[in-house]
Amino acid sequence: MNTKQAIISRRSVRSFIKRNIPPDLIAEILDSASRAPSASNGRPWEFIIVKDQKVKDRIGYLGARSLYERKKGKLKQAKEKFAMIAEAPIYIVVACDTKKSPIFWVHDGSAATQNILLAGHSMGLGAVWLGAPVALPKHQNEITKMLNLPRHVKIASIVALGYPKKMPGPRVVSDTKDKVHFERW
């Protein structure tokens, strides 16, 4: 699969089969992540591999609470959604050292996250970028404590990764000409 094919065909996967990811694939994905661009080549990222089901369940619960608190949706549906995602064999937490990149750590972590998503997809894995668990500061603080992160290390993203139960169909994309502006809006 070439890069363009990976970009076009990658989809967020939220349901996974019970199958462990071989360590060499995880290492290859993390190598891809560490090759992301970063401001002044600061490479502030650190990767925490989470396999502990209780931790994944708690992160999922915090994601559900975040959706509920921010959107006032139905908590039961949000819990079910995140419980399904928590069946992924691993979560990769992309954390960034704000001492190495005090201004651009979010950008740097996002670039590394995109590389995780694309590398995993190119290897036949499914993934979803979980923003909800860290959308509210109180939840991010709880996850930071659970993972024993130093104060100067912030969570940029959490990626659930595994073998997909099913791949979602193709994404419908609007014509880019409606999104492109030259010189001014």
C-alpha atoms as a PDB file:
ATOM      1  CA  MET A   1       0.000   0.000   0.000  1.00  0.00           C
ATOM      2  CA  ASN A   2       1.486   3.335  -0.965  1.00  0.00           C
ATOM      3  CA  THR A   3       1.144   6.476   1.145  1.00  0.00           C
ATOM      4  CA  LYS A   4      -1.737   7.960  -0.857  1.00  0.00           C
ATOM      5  CA  GLN A   5      -3.676   4.671  -0.674  1.00  0.00           C
ATOM      6  CA  ALA A   6      -3.122   4.545   3.090  1.00  0.00           C
ATOM      7  CA  ILE A   7      -4.356   8.111   3.514  1.00  0.00           C
ATOM      8  CA  ILE A   8      -7.455   7.536   1.381  1.00  0.00           C
ATOM      9  CA  SER A   9      -8.423   4.140   2.814  1.00  0.00           C
ATOM     10  CA  ARG A  10      -7.636   4.677   6.521  1.00  0.00           C
ATOM     11  CA  ARG A  11     -10.725   4.817   8.709  1.00  0.00           C
ATOM     12  CA  SER A  12     -11.334   4.995  12.432  1.00  0.00           C
ATOM     13  CA  VAL A  13     -11.915   1.482  13.764  1.00  0.00           C
ATOM     14  CA  ARG A  14     -13.807   1.111  17.032  1.00  0.00           C
ATOM     15  CA  SER A  15     -14.293  -2.659  17.304  1.00  0.00           C
ATOM     16  CA  PHE A  16     -11.503  -5.200  17.510  1.00  0.00           C
ATOM     17  CA  ILE A  17     -11.005  -8.962  17.534  1.00  0.00           C
ATOM     18  CA  LYS A  18      -9.227 -10.559  20.478  1.00  0.00           C
ATOM     19  CA  ARG A  19      -5.783 -10.979  18.981  1.00  0.00           C
ATOM     20  CA  ASN A  20      -2.531  -9.626  20.336  1.00  0.00           C
ATOM     21  CA  ILE A  21      -0.344  -7.450  18.171  1.00  0.00           C
ATOM     22  CA  PRO A  22       3.137  -8.929  17.717  1.00  0.00           C
ATOM     23  CA  PRO A  23       5.834  -6.865  19.483  1.00  0.00           C
ATOM     24  CA  ASP A  24       7.745  -6.354  16.217  1.00  0.00           C
ATOM     25  CA  LEU A  25       4.695  -4.636  14.660  1.00  0.00           C
ATOM     26  CA  ILE A  26       4.327  -2.380  17.691  1.00  0.00           C
ATOM     27  CA  ALA A  27       8.025  -1.513  17.456  1.00  0.00           C
ATOM     28  CA  GLU A  28       7.659  -0.742  13.743  1.00  0.00           C
ATOM     29  CA  ILE A  29       4.646   1.499  14.404  1.00  0.00           C
ATOM     30  CA  LEU A  30       6.503   3.378  17.128  1.00  0.00           C
ATOM     31  CA  ASP A  31       9.508   3.757  14.837  1.00  0.00           C
ATOM     32  CA  SER A  32       7.164   5.352  12.289  1.00  0.00           C
ATOM     33  CA  ALA A  33       5.754   7.631  14.990  1.00  0.00           C
ATOM     34  CA  SER A  34       9.210   8.755  16.048  1.00  0.00           C
ATOM     35  CA  ARG A  35       9.985   9.815  12.473  1.00  0.00           C
ATOM     36  CA  ALA A  36       7.250  12.462  12.493  1.00  0.00           C
ATOM     37  CA  PRO A  37       8.251  16.075  11.957  1.00  0.00           C
ATOM     38  CA  SER A  38       8.614  18.197  15.083  1.00  0.00           C
ATOM     39  CA  ALA A  39       9.373  21.813  15.832  1.00  0.00           C
ATOM     40  CA  SER A  40      13.137  22.405  15.796  1.00  0.00           C
ATOM     41  CA  ASN A  41      13.499  18.612  15.650  1.00  0.00           C
ATOM     42  CA  GLY A  42      12.689  18.568  19.373  1.00  0.00           C
ATOM     43  CA  ARG A  43      11.080  15.116  19.181  1.00  0.00           C
ATOM     44  CA  PRO A  44       9.306  15.612  22.529  1.00  0.00           C
ATOM     45  CA  TRP A  45       7.195  12.458  22.340  1.00  0.00           C
ATOM     46  CA  GLU A  46       7.145   9.529  24.694  1.00  0.00           C
ATOM     47  CA  PHE A  47       4.948   6.494  24.086  1.00  0.00           C
ATOM     48  CA  ILE A  48       3.180   4.553  26.819  1.00  0.00           C
ATOM     49  CA  ILE A  49       1.832   1.157  25.767  1.00  0.00           C
ATOM     50  CA  VAL A  50      -1.235   0.302  27.838  1.00  0.00           C
ATOM     51  CA  LYS A  51      -2.391  -3.324  27.889  1.00  0.00           C
ATOM     52  CA  ASP A  52      -3.932  -3.431  31.370  1.00  0.00           C
ATOM     53  CA  GLN A  53      -7.677  -3.890  30.871  1.00  0.00           C
ATOM     54  CA  LYS A  54      -8.595  -1.968  34.032  1.00  0.00           C
ATOM     55  CA  VAL A  55      -6.631   1.058  32.834  1.00  0.00           C
ATOM     56  CA  LYS A  56      -8.168   0.865  29.333  1.00  0.00           C
ATOM     57  CA  ASP A  57     -11.628   0.547  30.900  1.00  0.00           C
ATOM     58  CA  ARG A  58     -11.033   3.591  33.118  1.00  0.00           C
ATOM     59  CA  ILE A  59      -9.756   5.635  30.183  1.00  0.00           C
ATOM     60  CA  GLY A  60     -12.878   4.565  28.280  1.00  0.00           C
ATOM     61  CA  TYR A  61     -15.116   5.573  31.162  1.00  0.00           C
ATOM     62  CA  LEU A  62     -13.450   8.992  31.285  1.00  0.00           C
ATOM     63  CA  GLY A  63     -14.020   9.339  27.543  1.00  0.00           C
ATOM     64  CA  ALA A  64     -17.704   8.537  28.001  1.00  0.00           C
ATOM     65  CA  ARG A  65     -17.995  11.019  30.877  1.00  0.00           C
ATOM     66  CA  SER A  66     -16.308  13.667  28.755  1.00  0.00           C
ATOM     67  CA  LEU A  67     -18.755  13.167  25.880  1.00  0.00           C
ATOM     68  CA  TYR A  68     -21.649  13.276  28.316  1.00  0.00           C
ATOM     69  CA  GLU A  69     -20.426  16.366  30.171  1.00  0.00           C
ATOM     70  CA  ARG A  70     -19.469  18.319  27.050  1.00  0.00           C
ATOM     71  CA  LYS A  71     -22.398  17.394  24.827  1.00  0.00           C
ATOM     72  CA  LYS A  72     -25.008  16.353  27.375  1.00  0.00           C
ATOM     73  CA  GLY A  73     -25.579  13.157  25.393  1.00  0.00           C
ATOM     74  CA  LYS A  74     -26.665   9.815  26.689  1.00  0.00           C
ATOM     75  CA  LEU A  75     -24.096   8.431  29.118  1.00  0.00           C
ATOM     76  CA  LYS A  76     -25.195   4.810  28.605  1.00  0.00           C
ATOM     77  CA  GLN A  77     -24.550   4.976  24.848  1.00  0.00           C
ATOM     78  CA  ALA A  78     -21.197   6.679  25.369  1.00  0.00           C
ATOM     79  CA  LYS A  79     -20.169   4.012  27.913  1.00  0.00           C
ATOM     80  CA  GLU A  80     -21.100   1.235  25.471  1.00  0.00           C
ATOM     81  CA  LYS A  81     -19.083   2.883  22.699  1.00  0.00           C
ATOM     82  CA  PHE A  82     -15.975   3.234  24.856  1.00  0.00           C
ATOM     83  CA  ALA A  83     -16.360  -0.272  26.351  1.00  0.00           C
ATOM     84  CA  MET A  84     -16.201  -1.637  22.800  1.00  0.00           C
ATOM     85  CA  ILE A  85     -13.110   0.461  22.023  1.00  0.00           C
ATOM     86  CA  ALA A  86     -11.452  -0.739  25.268  1.00  0.00           C
ATOM     87  CA  GLU A  87     -11.367  -4.242  23.754  1.00  0.00           C
ATOM     88  CA  ALA A  88      -8.438  -3.093  21.605  1.00  0.00           C
ATOM     89  CA  PRO A  89      -5.360  -5.080  22.643  1.00  0.00           C
ATOM     90  CA  ILE A  90      -3.359  -1.916  23.264  1.00  0.00           C
ATOM     91  CA  TYR A  91      -3.668   1.784  23.735  1.00  0.00           C
ATOM     92  CA  ILE A  92      -0.730   3.922  22.724  1.00  0.00           C
ATOM     93  CA  VAL A  93      -0.584   7.099  24.768  1.00  0.00           C
ATOM     94  CA  VAL A  94       1.371   9.791  22.961  1.00  0.00           C
ATOM     95  CA  ALA A  95       2.765  12.075  25.635  1.00  0.00           C
ATOM     96  CA  CYS A  96       5.036  15.051  25.060  1.00  0.00           C
ATOM     97  CA  ASP A  97       7.739  16.643  27.155  1.00  0.00           C
ATOM     98  CA  THR A  98       6.802  20.314  27.370  1.00  0.00           C
ATOM     99  CA  LYS A  99      10.364  21.190  28.399  1.00  0.00           C
ATOM    100  CA  LYS A 100      11.574  19.998  24.979  1.00  0.00           C
ATOM    101  CA  SER A 101       8.715  21.687  23.145  1.00  0.00           C
ATOM    102  CA  PRO A 102       6.928  24.245  25.313  1.00  0.00           C
ATOM    103  CA  ILE A 103       4.918  25.797  22.491  1.00  0.00           C
ATOM    104  CA  PHE A 104       4.496  23.146  19.791  1.00  0.00           C
ATOM    105  CA  TRP A 105       4.148  19.916  21.795  1.00  0.00           C
ATOM    106  CA  VAL A 106       0.526  19.455  20.662  1.00  0.00           C
ATOM    107  CA  HIS A 107       1.542  19.801  17.012  1.00  0.00           C
ATOM    108  CA  ASP A 108       4.480  17.441  17.452  1.00  0.00           C
ATOM    109  CA  GLY A 109       2.355  14.855  19.254  1.00  0.00           C
ATOM    110  CA  SER A 110      -0.354  15.127  16.595  1.00  0.00           C
ATOM    111  CA  ALA A 111       2.157  14.457  13.817  1.00  0.00           C
ATOM    112  CA  ALA A 112       3.418  11.369  15.667  1.00  0.00           C
ATOM    113  CA  THR A 113      -0.186  10.244  16.184  1.00  0.00           C
ATOM    114  CA  GLN A 114      -0.980  10.516  12.472  1.00  0.00           C
ATOM    115  CA  ASN A 115       2.069   8.376  11.715  1.00  0.00           C
ATOM    116  CA  ILE A 116       0.788   5.742  14.201  1.00  0.00           C
ATOM    117  CA  LEU A 117      -2.608   5.706  12.492  1.00  0.00           C
ATOM    118  CA  LEU A 118      -1.170   5.403   8.981  1.00  0.00           C
ATOM    119  CA  ALA A 119       1.533   2.869   9.882  1.00  0.00           C
ATOM    120  CA  GLY A 120      -0.974   0.680  11.725  1.00  0.00           C
ATOM    121  CA  HIS A 121      -3.400   0.823   8.813  1.00  0.00           C
ATOM    122  CA  SER A 122      -0.690  -0.106   6.315  1.00  0.00           C
ATOM    123  CA  MET A 123      -0.013  -3.234   8.432  1.00  0.00           C
ATOM    124  CA  GLY A 124      -3.638  -4.361   8.457  1.00  0.00           C
ATOM    125  CA  LEU A 125      -4.437  -2.973  11.897  1.00  0.00           C
ATOM    126  CA  GLY A 126      -7.300  -0.734  12.868  1.00  0.00           C
ATOM    127  CA  ALA A 127      -7.047   2.281  15.123  1.00  0.00           C
ATOM    128  CA  VAL A 128      -8.985   5.191  16.500  1.00  0.00           C
ATOM    129  CA  TRP A 129      -7.643   8.466  17.899  1.00  0.00           C
ATOM    130  CA  LEU A 130      -9.291   8.983  21.286  1.00  0.00           C
ATOM    131  CA  GLY A 131      -9.646  12.658  22.068  1.00  0.00           C
ATOM    132  CA  ALA A 132     -12.572  12.525  24.494  1.00  0.00           C
ATOM    133  CA  PRO A 133     -10.705  10.954  27.452  1.00  0.00           C
ATOM    134  CA  VAL A 134      -8.311  13.913  27.577  1.00  0.00           C
ATOM    135  CA  ALA A 135     -10.689  16.672  26.436  1.00  0.00           C
ATOM    136  CA  LEU A 136     -11.459  17.811  29.980  1.00  0.00           C
ATOM    137  CA  PRO A 137      -8.538  18.828  32.222  1.00  0.00           C
ATOM    138  CA  LYS A 138      -9.847  16.833  35.204  1.00  0.00           C
ATOM    139  CA  HIS A 139      -9.867  13.632  33.122  1.00  0.00           C
ATOM    140  CA  GLN A 140      -6.453  14.353  31.619  1.00  0.00           C
ATOM    141  CA  ASN A 141      -5.139  14.881  35.158  1.00  0.00           C
ATOM    142  CA  GLU A 142      -6.539  11.532  36.284  1.00  0.00           C
ATOM    143  CA  ILE A 143      -4.975   9.692  33.332  1.00  0.00           C
ATOM    144  CA  THR A 144      -1.696  11.515  33.949  1.00  0.00           C
ATOM    145  CA  LYS A 145      -1.697  10.227  37.538  1.00  0.00           C
ATOM    146  CA  MET A 146      -2.697   6.686  36.477  1.00  0.00           C
ATOM    147  CA  LEU A 147       0.240   6.554  34.075  1.00  0.00           C
ATOM    148  CA  ASN A 148       2.629   8.241  36.518  1.00  0.00           C
ATOM    149  CA  LEU A 149       3.608  10.967  34.053  1.00  0.00           C
ATOM    150  CA  PRO A 150       5.898  13.739  35.278  1.00  0.00           C
ATOM    151  CA  ARG A 151       4.296  17.204  35.573  1.00  0.00           C
ATOM    152  CA  HIS A 152       6.046  18.541  32.474  1.00  0.00           C
ATOM    153  CA  VAL A 153       4.769  15.684  30.284  1.00  0.00           C
ATOM    154  CA  LYS A 154       1.341  16.213  28.708  1.00  0.00           C
ATOM    155  CA  ILE A 155      -0.886  13.768  26.836  1.00  0.00           C
ATOM    156  CA  ALA A 156      -1.231  14.686  23.165  1.00  0.00           C
ATOM    157  CA  SER A 157      -3.402  11.714  22.205  1.00  0.00           C
ATOM    158  CA  ILE A 158      -4.450   8.178  22.959  1.00  0.00           C
ATOM    159  CA  VAL A 159      -4.743   5.647  20.130  1.00  0.00           C
ATOM    160  CA  ALA A 160      -6.649   2.365  20.477  1.00  0.00           C
ATOM    161  CA  LEU A 161      -4.956  -0.181  18.209  1.00  0.00           C
ATOM    162  CA  GLY A 162      -5.771  -3.732  17.165  1.00  0.00           C
ATOM    163  CA  TYR A 163      -7.032  -6.055  14.475  1.00  0.00           C
ATOM    164  CA  PRO A 164     -10.399  -4.776  13.254  1.00  0.00           C
ATOM    165  CA  LYS A 165     -13.596  -6.808  13.561  1.00  0.00           C
ATOM    166  CA  LYS A 166     -14.644  -5.055  10.365  1.00  0.00           C
ATOM    167  CA  MET A 167     -13.320  -2.174   8.350  1.00  0.00           C
ATOM    168  CA  PRO A 168     -15.730   0.711   7.873  1.00  0.00           C
ATOM    169  CA  GLY A 169     -16.704   1.502   4.306  1.00  0.00           C
ATOM    170  CA  PRO A 170     -15.105   4.261   2.271  1.00  0.00           C
ATOM    171  CA  ARG A 171     -15.330   7.787   3.607  1.00  0.00           C
ATOM    172  CA  VAL A 172     -17.443  10.267   1.712  1.00  0.00           C
ATOM    173  CA  VAL A 173     -15.305  13.342   1.177  1.00  0.00           C
ATOM    174  CA  SER A 174     -16.516  16.702  -0.022  1.00  0.00           C
ATOM    175  CA  ASP A 175     -14.807  18.239  -3.001  1.00  0.00           C
ATOM    176  CA  THR A 176     -11.621  19.956  -1.855  1.00  0.00           C
ATOM    177  CA  LYS A 177     -12.253  22.910  -4.187  1.00  0.00           C
ATOM    178  CA  ASP A 178     -14.848  24.086  -1.631  1.00  0.00           C
ATOM    179  CA  LYS A 179     -12.139  24.068   1.053  1.00  0.00           C
ATOM    180  CA  VAL A 180      -9.281  25.779  -0.765  1.00  0.00           C
ATOM    181  CA  HIS A 181      -8.753  29.528  -0.685  1.00  0.00           C
ATOM    182  CA  PHE A 182      -5.983  31.489  -2.362  1.00  0.00           C
ATOM    183  CA  GLU A 183      -4.420  34.497  -0.681  1.00  0.00           C
ATOM    184  CA  ARG A 184      -7.555  35.245   1.409  1.00  0.00           C
ATOM    185  CA  TRP A 185     -10.801  33.597   2.468  1.00  0.00           C
END
